[in-house]
Protein backbone atom coordinates (compact mmCIF):
# COMPACT_ATOMS: atom_id res chain seq x y z
CA UNK A 1 -140.66 180.16 143.55
CA UNK A 2 -137.42 181.97 144.35
CA UNK A 3 -136.49 182.55 147.95
CA UNK A 4 -133.84 184.90 149.23
CA UNK A 5 -132.26 184.21 152.58
CA UNK A 6 -130.62 187.00 154.50
CA UNK A 7 -128.20 185.95 157.20
CA UNK A 8 -126.78 188.08 159.97
CA UNK A 9 -123.25 188.07 161.24
CA UNK A 10 -121.85 189.82 164.28
CA UNK A 11 -118.59 191.74 163.97
CA UNK A 12 -116.03 190.25 166.36
CA UNK A 13 -114.48 193.68 166.97
CA UNK A 14 -117.30 196.17 167.51
CA UNK A 15 -120.19 193.75 168.14
CA UNK A 16 -122.54 195.27 165.54
CA UNK A 17 -124.75 193.00 163.40
CA UNK A 18 -124.70 193.27 159.60
CA UNK A 19 -126.69 191.45 156.89
CA UNK A 20 -124.99 189.05 154.48
CA UNK A 21 -126.18 186.77 151.69
CA UNK A 22 -124.10 183.77 152.83
CA UNK A 23 -124.18 181.86 156.07
CA UNK A 24 -121.03 182.57 158.10
CA UNK A 25 -121.43 179.83 160.73
CA UNK A 26 -119.47 177.35 158.58
CA UNK A 27 -115.81 178.22 157.96
CA UNK A 28 -115.94 180.92 160.60
CA UNK A 29 -112.56 182.49 161.31
CA UNK A 30 -113.03 186.17 162.14
CA UNK A 31 -115.99 188.34 161.18
CA UNK A 32 -115.09 191.99 160.67
CA UNK A 33 -117.59 194.58 159.45
CA UNK A 34 -116.63 197.16 156.83
CA UNK A 35 -116.44 199.95 159.43
CA UNK A 36 -113.81 198.14 161.50
CA UNK A 37 -112.00 196.95 158.36
CA UNK A 38 -111.65 200.52 157.10
CA UNK A 39 -110.54 201.91 160.45
CA UNK A 40 -107.99 199.13 160.91
CA UNK A 41 -106.48 199.73 157.50
CA UNK A 42 -106.30 203.52 157.92
CA UNK A 43 -105.67 204.13 161.62
CA UNK A 44 -105.07 200.64 163.07
CA UNK A 45 -107.89 201.06 165.58
CA UNK A 46 -111.63 200.53 165.85
CA UNK A 47 -113.84 203.32 167.15
CA UNK A 48 -116.20 201.09 169.15
CA UNK A 49 -114.81 197.78 170.44
CA UNK A 50 -117.12 194.99 171.55
CA UNK A 51 -114.29 193.62 173.69
CA UNK A 52 -110.97 194.93 174.92
CA UNK A 53 -107.94 193.27 176.48
CA UNK A 54 -106.23 195.15 179.28
CA UNK A 55 -103.13 194.01 181.12
CA UNK A 56 -102.55 195.37 184.61
CA UNK A 57 -99.02 195.85 185.91
CA UNK A 58 -98.12 194.07 189.14
CA UNK A 59 -95.08 194.61 191.34
CA UNK A 60 -93.72 191.07 191.10
CA UNK A 61 -90.66 190.82 188.77
CA UNK A 62 -91.70 187.43 187.34
CA UNK A 63 -95.19 188.68 186.69
CA UNK A 64 -93.77 191.77 184.95
CA UNK A 65 -91.80 189.52 182.59
CA UNK A 66 -94.84 187.40 181.80
CA UNK A 67 -96.99 190.46 181.19
CA UNK A 68 -94.42 191.94 178.81
CA UNK A 69 -94.38 188.67 176.85
CA UNK A 70 -98.19 188.67 176.75
CA UNK A 71 -98.28 192.27 175.52
CA UNK A 72 -95.73 191.40 172.81
CA UNK A 73 -97.84 188.44 171.67
CA UNK A 74 -101.00 190.58 171.58
CA UNK A 75 -99.20 193.23 169.50
CA UNK A 76 -97.99 190.58 167.04
CA UNK A 77 -101.51 189.18 166.69
CA UNK A 78 -102.96 192.63 166.03
CA UNK A 79 -100.27 193.30 163.38
CA UNK A 80 -101.22 190.13 161.50
CA UNK A 81 -104.86 191.21 161.31
């Protein structure tokens, strides 16, 4: 008897579930669906994010510096993906 297992993985960017033949719980780094993969390669954005990071500006000079560093780090991370 042959059995076929269908696993589901959730895209870390848009939050949509997609079927896959292999279990993605082991060796899990970042799950990206084909829709987000295509939009990242072409336009560097996803049409429907499951999460979003926003940084609010505050009036404190030290906080401004820290926020600029954080924004720079977030940009570098998004460039690597």
